[in-house]
Amino acid sequence: MARWRVEGDHLVGRMTLPLAVGTVGGVFKVHPVVQVTRKIARIETTADLARLTAAAGLAQNLGALRALAAEGIQSGHMRLHARNVAHEAGAEGDEVLEVATRIADLKQVNARAAAESLKALRAERAKAAAARPASPLGGGVVIDFSSRASMARKGTPRPKVPVMAEARAMSAAPPVPVLDSERPLSLSGGSMIRKLGQAKTEGNGPNPARTFTGKVFVTGATGHLGANLVRRLVEDGKEVRVLLLKGESTEAVDGLPVEKVYGDLTDIDSLERAMQGCKQAYHVAAIVSTVVATPELERKIFDTNVLGTQNLLRVALHLGYERVVVTGSYSAVGYDLDRPTSPGDETMPQYPFDEILPYARTKQAVELECLKAVVEGLDVVVCTSCAVLGPNDYVPSRMGRTLMDHAHGKLHAYLPGGFEFVSAKDIVDGHVRAMHRGRIGQKYVISTQFLSLDEIMDIFEEVTGRPRPKLKLPVGVMAGVAEVTSFFYNNFSPETPQRFTPAAVRILRQQRHADVSKARSELGYEPSSIRKALHEAYADFARRGLVPARPGTAAEAPAARKEKTAPKTEAVSAGENR
């Protein structure tokens, strides 16, 4: 029932127990000591008591493991029993071990021998104390700090410790890494220093899974990622409540067995009302934009993405949420400045002097808000998404519109380059795994594979039955075209969706890859297939009458076609999310 692993210099244990406990009736309401201990332990619900009970069980499990490893069940049994006998005889603090050792050595592990040994030990200590010089504090007072119980019994004033604040800090604060002062902090001489944010399982397999109960709160359920996430949660038997904005289309969740509530991320009061009664949250909602933003659009992106996230995390902390998984963007992940195409991971800081879009800046700020919430005691994990491909794309996304344009013969040109894609199935699986296996305060990059635009066109041909555009523009030419068309649309037709903005062209030119090894090792994540995701996307568009229906679009391609368009790189990641 208990699982143990080493994380750096720490031994970490997890235990999941099916417990049915009660906090009503009996001594819970009438015994004054129980009332005090409940306040100290912050037990307000049966779930709190169950977690505390499981924690005690985990501690006992560690004691049993220590007995097996250090003293043994058979050879050390008598000495372990001797400690219990010594304690029952009245031994306190370090007296227990001393008395237990004496009676075990004498092979007289019984109450009478323990009482005699304890009496002799105290006499020896009193004689030794009398021989020591008087305390410089005056009066020859010797204070025994061996245990708090002995302090109270001898009349020594108990120190005034802010117990509630201390208990709250201990329960909320994540473990702090301990550095070995004798270990060299230089990379020279073969010493390897662990990067901040890298995987910590060290080949021991995925993190143990946590079990959550209660209703799940989801934002962004009408978007591409959110619509797929809600369906997965429903399939998993979860009770789901989705936050909707009044006036927006609910097509993505219509007909699903979910509870719908209306509110606004920028209105913390409506958010608190909407989140009451839930225990976990997936915060997916965000405004995604690669256009040159006006000051008004910049403010809207900031208010929704940053302040909205801050509001949600504040409410989740106030309501005692067990965990919040926040959707991140690969645009907030840095890269190697000397080798931009080398795989980036969670340890890479963002270069602050890049030409960064407002959306990317807000997603960096979102991660900062998550870390601030962790410091305050909220359990938060960031799941970083790349460009999503797959079904249930109701908005639709930029890549979804591009696929529809190609199906209708409206895509007349494309350009070289490429970036990271993630199938809707994979990014949803990553979110669920982050909820159950992620480490508090960590982020995990989820991607399926890097694809060039030529490889994407291969799959588009296969899915739609149409040949790719004959015109393949050089990147420089396409960058100029994007600047001109973007200027026109921004100034004269701002509501028209733009396929290739200057920022999108710049992302394609970078050809950034990603490393998902942390998600693999800690979450047990395994990428699936972009080809299948595009088949499923087309089939879903056809079902909704947005593209011509074609047979077999939801299945894997024939073996011969697969070989032609097989991905040339293993799972790596980058791009716009949701």
Protein backbone atom coordinates (compact mmCIF):
# COMPACT_ATOMS: atom_id res chain seq x y z
CA MET A 1 0.00 0.00 0.00
CA ALA A 2 2.95 2.32 0.53
CA ARG A 3 5.46 3.25 -2.14
CA TRP A 4 8.84 4.76 -1.46
CA ARG A 5 11.37 6.38 -3.73
CA VAL A 6 14.44 8.61 -3.51
CA GLU A 7 14.17 12.16 -4.90
CA GLY A 8 17.58 13.77 -4.70
CA ASP A 9 18.56 13.70 -1.03
CA HIS A 10 15.03 12.98 0.15
CA LEU A 11 13.10 9.79 0.82
CA VAL A 12 9.54 10.30 -0.42
CA GLY A 13 6.67 7.99 0.46
CA ARG A 14 3.09 7.86 -0.75
CA MET A 15 0.21 5.77 0.53
CA THR A 16 -3.36 5.48 -0.72
CA LEU A 17 -5.88 3.92 1.67
CA PRO A 18 -9.64 3.32 1.36
CA LEU A 19 -10.86 4.83 4.64
CA ALA A 20 -14.30 5.50 6.04
CA VAL A 21 -13.92 7.81 9.04
CA GLY A 22 -16.28 10.15 10.84
CA THR A 23 -16.01 13.55 12.48
CA VAL A 24 -19.51 13.73 13.97
CA GLY A 25 -20.59 12.33 17.33
CA GLY A 26 -18.63 10.51 20.01
CA VAL A 27 -15.64 12.30 21.52
CA PHE A 28 -15.33 14.68 18.55
CA LYS A 29 -17.89 17.09 19.99
CA VAL A 30 -17.42 16.70 23.75
CA HIS A 31 -13.78 15.92 24.56
CA PRO A 32 -11.75 19.17 24.97
CA VAL A 33 -8.43 17.57 24.02
CA VAL A 34 -9.95 16.29 20.78
CA GLN A 35 -11.17 19.80 19.97
CA VAL A 36 -7.68 21.24 20.49
CA THR A 37 -5.95 18.55 18.43
CA ARG A 38 -8.49 19.00 15.63
CA LYS A 39 -7.61 22.69 15.47
CA ILE A 40 -3.88 21.99 15.52
CA ALA A 41 -4.21 19.40 12.75
CA ARG A 42 -6.71 21.61 10.85
CA ILE A 43 -9.23 18.76 10.60
CA GLU A 44 -12.47 20.19 9.24
CA THR A 45 -13.80 17.34 7.11
CA THR A 46 -13.70 13.56 7.03
CA ALA A 47 -11.27 13.86 4.11
CA ASP A 48 -8.85 15.79 6.34
CA LEU A 49 -9.06 13.09 9.03
CA ALA A 50 -8.62 10.35 6.45
CA ARG A 51 -5.48 12.01 5.07
CA LEU A 52 -4.04 12.37 8.58
CA THR A 53 -4.81 8.73 9.31
CA ALA A 54 -3.14 7.67 6.08
CA ALA A 55 -0.11 9.81 6.97
CA ALA A 56 0.16 8.04 10.31
CA GLY A 57 -0.07 4.73 8.49
CA LEU A 58 2.71 5.84 6.16
CA ALA A 59 4.90 6.72 9.16
CA GLN A 60 4.21 3.31 10.70
CA ASN A 61 5.08 1.70 7.40
CA LEU A 62 8.44 3.48 7.45
CA GLY A 63 9.01 2.20 10.98
CA ALA A 64 8.28 -1.34 9.82
CA LEU A 65 10.66 -0.97 6.89
CA ARG A 66 13.34 0.32 9.24
CA ALA A 67 12.81 -2.69 11.48
CA LEU A 68 13.26 -4.99 8.51
CA ALA A 69 16.34 -3.21 7.20
CA ALA A 70 18.15 -2.21 10.39
CA GLU A 71 17.33 -4.62 13.18
CA GLY A 72 15.42 -7.39 11.54
CA ILE A 73 12.15 -8.98 12.58
CA GLN A 74 13.65 -11.97 14.36
CA SER A 75 17.09 -10.99 15.63
CA GLY A 76 15.97 -7.50 16.65
CA HIS A 77 12.49 -8.31 17.87
CA MET A 78 13.48 -8.51 21.50
CA ARG A 79 15.23 -5.13 21.43
CA LEU A 80 12.22 -3.54 19.76
CA HIS A 81 9.99 -5.05 22.42
CA ALA A 82 12.40 -3.80 25.09
CA ARG A 83 11.68 -0.22 24.04
CA ASN A 84 7.97 -0.72 24.58
CA VAL A 85 8.64 -2.24 28.00
CA ALA A 86 10.94 0.66 28.92
CA HIS A 87 8.33 3.19 27.86
CA GLU A 88 5.64 1.44 29.92
CA ALA A 89 7.98 1.51 32.93
CA GLY A 90 8.01 5.34 32.72
CA ALA A 91 11.14 6.01 30.67
CA GLU A 92 11.07 9.27 28.70
CA GLY A 93 13.07 10.73 25.84
CA ASP A 94 16.54 9.24 25.56
CA GLU A 95 15.87 7.18 28.70
CA VAL A 96 13.81 4.75 26.59
CA LEU A 97 16.74 3.67 24.43
CA GLU A 98 19.14 3.48 27.40
CA VAL A 99 16.80 1.36 29.54
CA ALA A 100 15.85 -0.84 26.57
CA THR A 101 19.53 -1.47 25.82
CA ARG A 102 20.27 -2.42 29.44
CA ILE A 103 17.42 -4.90 29.85
CA ALA A 104 18.03 -6.39 26.41
CA ASP A 105 21.72 -6.93 27.20
CA LEU A 106 20.71 -8.61 30.47
CA LYS A 107 18.13 -10.71 28.57
CA GLN A 108 15.56 -9.63 31.16
CA VAL A 109 12.94 -7.85 29.07
CA ASN A 110 10.20 -7.42 31.65
CA ALA A 111 8.53 -4.66 33.62
CA ARG A 112 10.45 -5.31 36.85
CA ALA A 113 13.86 -5.21 35.17
CA ALA A 114 12.87 -2.05 33.26
CA ALA A 115 11.75 -0.26 36.45
CA GLU A 116 14.99 -1.16 38.24
CA SER A 117 17.12 -0.07 35.29
CA LEU A 118 15.23 3.22 35.01
CA LYS A 119 15.70 3.89 38.74
CA ALA A 120 19.42 3.17 38.47
CA LEU A 121 19.77 5.36 35.36
CA ARG A 122 18.09 8.34 37.00
CA ALA A 123 20.21 7.95 40.12
CA GLU A 124 23.36 7.98 37.98
CA ARG A 125 22.22 11.08 36.15
CA ALA A 126 21.25 12.90 39.34
CA LYS A 127 24.67 12.15 40.83
CA ALA A 128 26.38 13.41 37.69
CA ALA A 129 24.26 16.56 37.66
CA ALA A 130 25.12 17.29 41.30
CA ALA A 131 28.82 17.05 40.47
CA ARG A 132 28.52 19.63 37.63
CA PRO A 133 29.06 23.35 38.41
CA ALA A 134 26.01 25.56 38.85
CA SER A 135 24.36 27.02 35.76
CA PRO A 136 25.57 30.50 34.80
CA LEU A 137 21.91 31.48 34.74
CA GLY A 138 21.94 31.31 38.55
CA GLY A 139 20.31 29.02 41.09
CA GLY A 140 21.92 25.88 39.74
CA VAL A 141 18.84 25.17 37.61
CA VAL A 142 19.21 22.42 34.99
CA ILE A 143 16.48 22.41 32.35
CA ASP A 144 15.84 19.09 30.61
CA PHE A 145 14.84 19.61 26.97
CA SER A 146 14.71 15.88 26.23
CA SER A 147 10.95 16.02 25.74
CA ARG A 148 8.07 18.46 26.01
CA ALA A 149 6.29 16.10 28.38
CA SER A 150 9.11 16.25 30.91
CA MET A 151 9.18 20.07 30.64
CA ALA A 152 5.52 20.32 31.56
CA ARG A 153 5.81 17.85 34.43
CA LYS A 154 8.77 19.66 36.02
CA GLY A 155 6.94 22.95 35.97
CA THR A 156 9.09 24.54 33.27
CA PRO A 157 7.03 27.11 31.31
CA ARG A 158 6.06 25.74 27.91
CA PRO A 159 7.33 28.03 25.14
CA LYS A 160 4.64 30.00 23.34
CA VAL A 161 4.76 28.57 19.83
CA PRO A 162 2.30 29.72 17.14
CA VAL A 163 1.01 26.18 16.69
CA MET A 164 -1.62 26.91 14.07
CA ALA A 165 0.72 28.92 11.87
CA GLU A 166 3.46 26.33 12.34
CA ALA A 167 1.14 23.45 11.43
CA ARG A 168 -0.20 25.36 8.43
CA ALA A 169 3.30 26.09 7.17
CA MET A 170 4.36 22.47 7.61
CA SER A 171 1.32 21.17 5.73
CA ALA A 172 1.51 23.72 2.93
CA ALA A 173 5.17 24.22 2.17
CA PRO A 174 6.80 21.91 -0.41
CA PRO A 175 9.94 20.05 0.67
CA VAL A 176 13.10 22.15 0.43
CA PRO A 177 16.08 20.52 -1.28
CA VAL A 178 19.10 20.01 0.94
CA LEU A 179 22.51 20.66 -0.62
CA ASP A 180 25.50 18.65 0.44
CA SER A 181 28.07 21.25 1.47
CA GLU A 182 30.90 18.89 0.64
CA ARG A 183 29.66 18.20 -2.88
CA PRO A 184 31.43 20.38 -5.49
CA LEU A 185 29.15 22.98 -7.09
CA SER A 186 31.14 23.15 -10.29
CA LEU A 187 30.62 21.24 -13.50
CA SER A 188 34.36 20.77 -13.78
CA GLY A 189 35.90 17.49 -12.74
CA GLY A 190 32.90 15.47 -13.93
CA SER A 191 30.49 16.80 -11.29
CA MET A 192 26.88 17.01 -12.53
CA ILE A 193 24.47 19.48 -10.93
CA ARG A 194 20.80 18.73 -11.43
CA LYS A 195 18.98 21.35 -13.47
CA LEU A 196 16.10 23.10 -11.77
CA GLY A 197 12.87 21.60 -13.01
CA GLN A 198 14.27 18.44 -14.55
CA ALA A 199 12.86 14.94 -13.99
CA LYS A 200 13.62 13.46 -10.57
CA THR A 201 12.51 9.84 -10.80
CA GLU A 202 15.99 8.74 -11.87
CA GLY A 203 14.69 5.74 -13.78
CA ASN A 204 12.47 4.47 -10.94
CA GLY A 205 9.33 4.69 -13.05
CA PRO A 206 6.44 7.19 -12.99
CA ASN A 207 5.45 9.00 -9.81
CA PRO A 208 2.87 7.09 -7.74
CA ALA A 209 -0.67 8.01 -8.67
CA ARG A 210 -2.85 10.08 -6.33
CA THR A 211 -6.55 9.37 -6.07
CA PHE A 212 -8.96 12.31 -6.04
CA THR A 213 -12.67 12.31 -5.36
CA GLY A 214 -15.29 14.99 -5.70
CA LYS A 215 -16.43 17.26 -8.51
CA VAL A 216 -13.94 18.64 -11.05
CA PHE A 217 -14.03 22.28 -12.19
CA VAL A 218 -12.98 23.02 -15.80
CA THR A 219 -12.42 26.38 -17.52
CA GLY A 220 -12.06 26.76 -21.28
CA ALA A 221 -14.40 23.83 -21.97
CA THR A 222 -15.60 25.35 -25.27
CA GLY A 223 -12.06 25.51 -26.69
CA HIS A 224 -10.23 22.77 -28.58
CA LEU A 225 -8.28 21.34 -25.65
CA GLY A 226 -11.07 21.92 -23.12
CA ALA A 227 -13.72 20.17 -25.21
CA ASN A 228 -11.56 17.06 -25.47
CA LEU A 229 -10.60 17.21 -21.79
CA VAL A 230 -14.22 17.37 -20.65
CA ARG A 231 -15.06 14.31 -22.75
CA ARG A 232 -12.15 12.36 -21.24
CA LEU A 233 -13.20 13.28 -17.70
CA VAL A 234 -16.78 12.22 -18.39
CA GLU A 235 -15.55 8.92 -19.84
CA ASP A 236 -13.48 8.42 -16.66
CA GLY A 237 -16.64 8.74 -14.57
CA LYS A 238 -15.83 12.16 -13.11
CA GLU A 239 -18.46 14.67 -12.04
CA VAL A 240 -17.63 17.74 -14.10
CA ARG A 241 -18.63 21.38 -13.76
CA VAL A 242 -17.70 23.70 -16.63
CA LEU A 243 -17.35 27.48 -16.49
CA LEU A 244 -19.03 29.26 -19.39
CA LEU A 245 -19.02 32.90 -20.42
CA LYS A 246 -22.43 34.33 -21.15
CA GLY A 247 -22.94 34.88 -24.85
CA GLU A 248 -20.34 32.34 -26.05
CA SER A 249 -21.28 29.26 -28.07
CA THR A 250 -21.81 26.13 -25.97
CA GLU A 251 -21.78 23.73 -28.92
CA ALA A 252 -18.63 22.04 -27.60
CA VAL A 253 -20.37 20.85 -24.42
CA ASP A 254 -23.99 20.60 -25.52
CA GLY A 255 -25.39 17.13 -24.85
CA LEU A 256 -22.64 16.19 -22.39
CA PRO A 257 -23.57 15.13 -18.81
CA VAL A 258 -21.83 18.10 -17.19
CA GLU A 259 -22.96 20.87 -14.87
CA LYS A 260 -22.87 24.28 -16.56
CA VAL A 261 -22.24 27.46 -14.58
CA TYR A 262 -21.76 30.98 -15.87
CA GLY A 263 -19.10 33.36 -14.69
CA ASP A 264 -16.06 35.37 -15.69
CA LEU A 265 -12.41 34.78 -14.79
CA THR A 266 -11.99 38.53 -14.35
CA ASP A 267 -14.87 38.67 -11.82
CA ILE A 268 -13.58 36.96 -8.68
CA ASP A 269 -17.00 36.98 -6.98
CA SER A 270 -18.68 35.10 -9.81
CA LEU A 271 -15.69 32.77 -9.92
CA GLU A 272 -16.00 31.95 -6.21
CA ARG A 273 -19.68 31.12 -6.61
CA ALA A 274 -18.91 28.93 -9.61
CA MET A 275 -16.07 27.02 -7.91
CA GLN A 276 -17.80 26.20 -4.63
CA GLY A 277 -18.37 22.48 -4.10
CA CYS A 278 -15.55 21.26 -6.36
CA LYS A 279 -12.25 19.75 -5.18
CA GLN A 280 -9.93 19.89 -8.22
CA ALA A 281 -9.66 22.20 -11.22
CA TYR A 282 -8.29 22.17 -14.74
CA HIS A 283 -7.65 25.76 -15.80
CA VAL A 284 -7.52 25.65 -19.60
CA ALA A 285 -9.12 28.95 -20.59
CA ALA A 286 -6.92 31.56 -22.28
CA ILE A 287 -6.99 34.05 -25.13
CA VAL A 288 -4.57 32.77 -27.79
CA SER A 289 -3.35 35.34 -30.32
CA THR A 290 -0.45 35.63 -32.77
CA VAL A 291 -1.62 38.90 -34.37
CA VAL A 292 -0.03 42.27 -33.65
CA ALA A 293 -2.18 43.32 -30.71
CA THR A 294 -3.75 46.72 -30.24
CA PRO A 295 -3.51 48.22 -26.72
CA GLU A 296 -7.12 47.16 -26.17
CA LEU A 297 -6.40 43.55 -27.20
CA GLU A 298 -3.23 43.49 -25.09
CA ARG A 299 -5.25 44.52 -22.04
CA LYS A 300 -7.88 41.90 -22.78
CA ILE A 301 -5.24 39.15 -23.13
CA PHE A 302 -3.59 40.24 -19.86
CA ASP A 303 -6.85 40.48 -17.92
CA THR A 304 -8.03 37.04 -19.02
CA ASN A 305 -4.78 35.09 -19.03
CA VAL A 306 -2.92 36.59 -16.06
CA LEU A 307 -5.49 38.20 -13.77
CA GLY A 308 -7.99 35.45 -14.56
CA THR A 309 -5.47 32.80 -13.54
CA GLN A 310 -4.58 34.76 -10.41
CA ASN A 311 -8.26 34.97 -9.46
CA LEU A 312 -8.84 31.26 -10.02
CA LEU A 313 -5.81 30.27 -7.93
CA ARG A 314 -6.83 32.62 -5.11
CA VAL A 315 -10.33 31.14 -5.01
CA ALA A 316 -8.98 27.57 -5.20
CA LEU A 317 -6.70 28.27 -2.22
CA HIS A 318 -9.55 29.86 -0.28
CA LEU A 319 -11.89 26.91 -0.95
CA GLY A 320 -9.26 24.29 -0.12
CA TYR A 321 -8.90 22.71 -3.56
CA GLU A 322 -6.79 19.55 -3.56
CA ARG A 323 -4.98 20.33 -6.82
CA VAL A 324 -5.16 22.68 -9.80
CA VAL A 325 -3.67 21.81 -13.19
CA VAL A 326 -3.01 24.92 -15.30
CA THR A 327 -2.49 24.72 -19.05
CA GLY A 328 0.81 26.27 -20.12
CA SER A 329 2.14 27.13 -23.55
CA TYR A 330 5.35 26.08 -25.26
CA SER A 331 5.77 29.73 -26.20
CA ALA A 332 6.69 30.29 -22.53
CA VAL A 333 9.49 27.68 -22.70
CA GLY A 334 12.97 28.93 -23.54
CA TYR A 335 15.49 27.54 -26.00
CA ASP A 336 19.24 27.24 -26.51
CA LEU A 337 20.33 30.57 -28.01
CA ASP A 338 23.29 28.93 -29.72
CA ARG A 339 21.25 26.01 -31.10
CA PRO A 340 17.62 27.13 -31.40
CA THR A 341 16.49 23.89 -33.04
CA SER A 342 17.86 21.67 -30.26
CA PRO A 343 15.10 20.17 -28.07
CA GLY A 344 13.99 22.50 -25.30
CA ASP A 345 12.61 21.31 -21.98
CA GLU A 346 11.13 22.55 -18.72
CA THR A 347 14.53 23.74 -17.46
CA MET A 348 15.05 26.29 -20.26
CA PRO A 349 14.54 29.96 -19.23
CA GLN A 350 12.88 32.29 -21.70
CA TYR A 351 15.25 34.80 -23.33
CA PRO A 352 13.76 38.15 -22.23
CA PHE A 353 15.07 40.18 -25.20
CA ASP A 354 13.27 38.18 -27.88
CA GLU A 355 10.47 39.69 -29.90
CA ILE A 356 7.76 38.03 -27.82
CA LEU A 357 4.04 38.32 -28.51
CA PRO A 358 1.69 39.52 -25.74
CA TYR A 359 0.18 36.02 -25.52
CA ALA A 360 3.59 34.44 -24.83
CA ARG A 361 4.40 37.10 -22.23
CA THR A 362 1.12 36.44 -20.43
CA LYS A 363 1.77 32.68 -20.37
CA GLN A 364 5.13 33.36 -18.70
CA ALA A 365 3.31 35.49 -16.15
CA VAL A 366 0.77 32.68 -15.64
CA GLU A 367 3.59 30.34 -14.58
CA LEU A 368 4.78 32.97 -12.10
CA GLU A 369 1.27 33.19 -10.63
CA CYS A 370 1.26 29.40 -10.27
CA LEU A 371 4.54 29.45 -8.33
CA LYS A 372 3.24 32.26 -6.09
CA ALA A 373 0.18 30.13 -5.31
CA VAL A 374 2.39 27.14 -4.49
CA VAL A 375 4.31 29.26 -1.98
CA GLU A 376 0.98 30.19 -0.38
CA GLY A 377 0.14 26.50 0.03
CA LEU A 378 -1.91 25.60 -3.07
CA ASP A 379 -1.07 22.41 -4.97
CA VAL A 380 -0.55 23.55 -8.59
CA VAL A 381 0.94 21.75 -11.60
CA VAL A 382 1.50 23.27 -15.08
CA CYS A 383 0.87 21.12 -18.16
CA THR A 384 2.48 22.75 -21.21
CA SER A 385 0.77 22.31 -24.56
CA CYS A 386 1.97 22.64 -28.13
CA ALA A 387 -0.16 23.14 -31.29
CA VAL A 388 -3.20 20.91 -30.80
CA LEU A 389 -4.53 18.73 -33.63
CA GLY A 390 -7.57 16.49 -33.33
CA PRO A 391 -11.37 16.31 -33.13
CA ASN A 392 -13.86 18.49 -31.23
CA ASP A 393 -12.33 21.68 -32.66
CA TYR A 394 -15.40 23.90 -32.42
CA VAL A 395 -13.86 27.39 -32.60
CA PRO A 396 -11.99 26.22 -34.81
CA SER A 397 -8.23 26.60 -34.25
CA ARG A 398 -5.78 28.01 -36.80
CA MET A 399 -4.64 24.53 -37.88
CA GLY A 400 -8.26 23.38 -37.99
CA ARG A 401 -9.14 26.26 -40.34
CA THR A 402 -6.09 25.45 -42.47
CA LEU A 403 -7.24 21.82 -42.81
CA MET A 404 -10.73 22.97 -43.83
CA ASP A 405 -9.29 25.44 -46.34
CA HIS A 406 -7.23 22.66 -47.92
CA ALA A 407 -10.28 20.37 -48.07
CA HIS A 408 -12.20 23.07 -49.97
CA GLY A 409 -9.30 23.93 -52.30
CA LYS A 410 -8.73 27.34 -50.71
CA LEU A 411 -5.15 26.76 -49.61
CA HIS A 412 -3.06 28.10 -52.49
CA ALA A 413 0.46 28.13 -51.04
CA TYR A 414 2.55 26.98 -48.10
CA LEU A 415 6.08 27.57 -46.84
CA PRO A 416 9.03 25.65 -45.45
CA GLY A 417 9.53 25.23 -41.70
CA GLY A 418 7.90 23.26 -38.98
CA PHE A 419 7.12 23.04 -35.27
CA GLU A 420 5.77 20.80 -32.56
CA PHE A 421 2.28 19.33 -32.66
CA VAL A 422 0.35 17.47 -29.99
CA SER A 423 -2.69 15.32 -30.61
CA ALA A 424 -5.80 16.25 -28.66
CA LYS A 425 -5.75 12.78 -27.10
CA ASP A 426 -2.15 13.23 -25.92
CA ILE A 427 -2.51 16.70 -24.39
CA VAL A 428 -5.64 15.57 -22.54
CA ASP A 429 -3.82 12.48 -21.28
CA GLY A 430 -0.97 14.74 -20.18
CA HIS A 431 -3.37 16.91 -18.17
CA VAL A 432 -4.96 13.90 -16.45
CA ARG A 433 -1.55 12.43 -15.67
CA ALA A 434 -0.36 15.79 -14.33
CA MET A 435 -3.35 15.82 -12.00
CA HIS A 436 -2.66 12.34 -10.63
CA ARG A 437 1.12 11.97 -10.92
CA GLY A 438 2.61 15.46 -11.23
CA ARG A 439 4.82 17.01 -8.56
CA ILE A 440 3.59 20.18 -6.91
CA GLY A 441 4.97 23.33 -8.52
CA GLN A 442 6.37 21.50 -11.55
CA LYS A 443 5.56 21.87 -15.24
CA TYR A 444 5.51 19.17 -17.89
CA VAL A 445 5.86 19.66 -21.65
CA ILE A 446 3.45 17.47 -23.64
CA SER A 447 4.00 16.97 -27.38
CA THR A 448 3.41 14.20 -29.90
CA GLN A 449 6.04 15.00 -32.52
CA PHE A 450 7.79 17.66 -34.56
CA LEU A 451 6.60 17.88 -38.17
CA SER A 452 7.75 19.99 -41.07
CA LEU A 453 5.11 21.68 -43.21
CA ASP A 454 5.96 19.24 -46.02
CA GLU A 455 5.11 16.33 -43.71
CA ILE A 456 1.89 18.06 -42.71
CA MET A 457 1.00 18.46 -46.38
CA ASP A 458 1.63 14.73 -46.89
CA ILE A 459 -1.01 13.95 -44.27
CA PHE A 460 -3.38 16.65 -45.57
CA GLU A 461 -3.26 14.99 -49.02
CA GLU A 462 -3.97 11.62 -47.42
CA VAL A 463 -6.85 12.88 -45.27
CA THR A 464 -8.61 15.14 -47.80
CA GLY A 465 -7.82 13.38 -51.07
CA ARG A 466 -6.60 16.68 -52.51
CA PRO A 467 -3.05 17.40 -53.71
CA ARG A 468 -1.00 19.92 -51.80
CA PRO A 469 -0.73 23.49 -53.10
CA LYS A 470 1.65 23.74 -56.03
CA LEU A 471 3.18 26.95 -54.73
CA LYS A 472 5.79 26.61 -51.98
CA LEU A 473 6.94 30.10 -51.11
CA PRO A 474 10.42 30.80 -49.70
CA VAL A 475 10.29 31.85 -46.06
CA GLY A 476 11.55 35.35 -46.85
CA VAL A 477 8.83 35.91 -49.42
CA MET A 478 6.16 34.48 -47.12
CA ALA A 479 7.35 36.74 -44.29
CA GLY A 480 6.86 39.78 -46.55
CA VAL A 481 3.43 38.58 -47.68
CA ALA A 482 2.42 38.00 -44.06
CA GLU A 483 3.49 41.53 -43.09
CA VAL A 484 1.40 43.06 -45.87
CA THR A 485 -1.71 40.92 -45.36
CA SER A 486 -1.53 41.25 -41.57
CA PHE A 487 -1.35 45.04 -41.87
CA PHE A 488 -4.40 45.01 -44.14
CA TYR A 489 -6.47 42.73 -41.91
CA ASN A 490 -5.46 44.48 -38.67
CA ASN A 491 -6.46 47.88 -39.99
CA PHE A 492 -9.38 47.18 -42.33
CA SER A 493 -10.83 43.79 -41.36
CA PRO A 494 -9.75 42.95 -37.79
CA GLU A 495 -12.47 40.29 -37.40
CA THR A 496 -11.14 38.18 -40.33
CA PRO A 497 -9.20 35.11 -39.10
CA GLN A 498 -5.56 35.16 -40.25
CA ARG A 499 -3.79 31.94 -41.24
CA PHE A 500 -0.15 33.03 -41.48
CA THR A 501 0.68 36.07 -39.37
CA PRO A 502 4.26 37.40 -39.16
CA ALA A 503 4.56 35.76 -35.75
CA ALA A 504 3.35 32.41 -37.10
CA VAL A 505 5.91 32.59 -39.92
CA ARG A 506 8.64 33.41 -37.41
CA ILE A 507 7.69 30.37 -35.30
CA LEU A 508 7.81 28.13 -38.37
CA ARG A 509 11.26 29.46 -39.29
CA GLN A 510 12.63 28.70 -35.82
CA GLN A 511 11.75 24.98 -36.17
CA ARG A 512 11.88 24.55 -32.41
CA HIS A 513 11.86 21.01 -31.07
CA ALA A 514 10.98 19.88 -27.57
CA ASP A 515 12.06 17.22 -25.11
CA VAL A 516 9.23 15.38 -23.34
CA SER A 517 11.43 13.05 -21.31
CA LYS A 518 10.28 14.58 -18.01
CA ALA A 519 6.64 13.79 -18.81
CA ARG A 520 7.67 10.30 -19.90
CA SER A 521 9.66 9.50 -16.76
CA GLU A 522 7.48 11.17 -14.11
CA LEU A 523 3.98 10.91 -15.58
CA GLY A 524 4.34 7.75 -17.66
CA TYR A 525 3.30 9.72 -20.76
CA GLU A 526 3.70 8.06 -24.17
CA PRO A 527 3.01 10.00 -27.41
CA SER A 528 0.52 8.59 -29.90
CA SER A 529 0.07 9.59 -33.57
CA ILE A 530 -0.39 12.96 -35.29
CA ARG A 531 -1.59 11.18 -38.42
CA LYS A 532 -4.44 9.59 -36.49
CA ALA A 533 -5.24 12.93 -34.85
CA LEU A 534 -5.62 14.59 -38.27
CA HIS A 535 -7.81 11.74 -39.53
CA GLU A 536 -10.02 12.15 -36.46
CA ALA A 537 -10.10 15.93 -36.90
CA TYR A 538 -11.24 15.61 -40.52
CA ALA A 539 -13.86 13.00 -39.63
CA ASP A 540 -15.24 15.31 -36.93
CA PHE A 541 -15.38 18.27 -39.34
CA ALA A 542 -17.17 16.01 -41.85
CA ARG A 543 -19.66 14.90 -39.21
CA ARG A 544 -20.51 18.54 -38.59
CA GLY A 545 -20.80 19.28 -42.33
CA LEU A 546 -17.74 21.55 -42.49
CA VAL A 547 -15.76 19.45 -45.02
CA PRO A 548 -16.74 16.87 -47.65
CA ALA A 549 -17.36 13.44 -46.12
CA ARG A 550 -14.81 10.78 -47.08
CA PRO A 551 -14.76 7.10 -46.09
CA GLY A 552 -12.18 5.85 -43.61
CA THR A 553 -10.93 9.21 -42.39
CA ALA A 554 -11.06 8.24 -38.71
CA ALA A 555 -8.83 5.19 -39.10
CA GLU A 556 -5.07 4.81 -39.39
CA ALA A 557 -3.70 5.11 -42.91
CA PRO A 558 -2.76 1.96 -44.89
CA ALA A 559 0.69 0.55 -44.20
CA ALA A 560 2.11 1.75 -47.51
CA ARG A 561 0.97 5.31 -46.89
CA LYS A 562 2.27 5.18 -43.31
CA GLU A 563 5.72 4.28 -44.53
CA LYS A 564 5.75 7.25 -46.88
CA THR A 565 4.77 9.76 -44.21
CA ALA A 566 6.30 8.20 -41.13
CA PRO A 567 7.56 10.86 -38.71
CA LYS A 568 11.28 11.47 -39.00
CA THR A 569 11.83 12.52 -35.40
CA GLU A 570 10.77 11.12 -32.05
CA ALA A 571 8.41 12.93 -29.72
CA VAL A 572 9.61 16.51 -29.22
CA SER A 573 7.57 19.78 -28.95
CA ALA A 574 6.74 23.55 -29.67
CA GLY A 575 4.08 25.89 -30.94
CA GLU A 576 0.82 27.63 -30.19
CA ASN A 577 -1.51 25.86 -27.79
CA ARG A 578 -5.28 25.34 -27.77
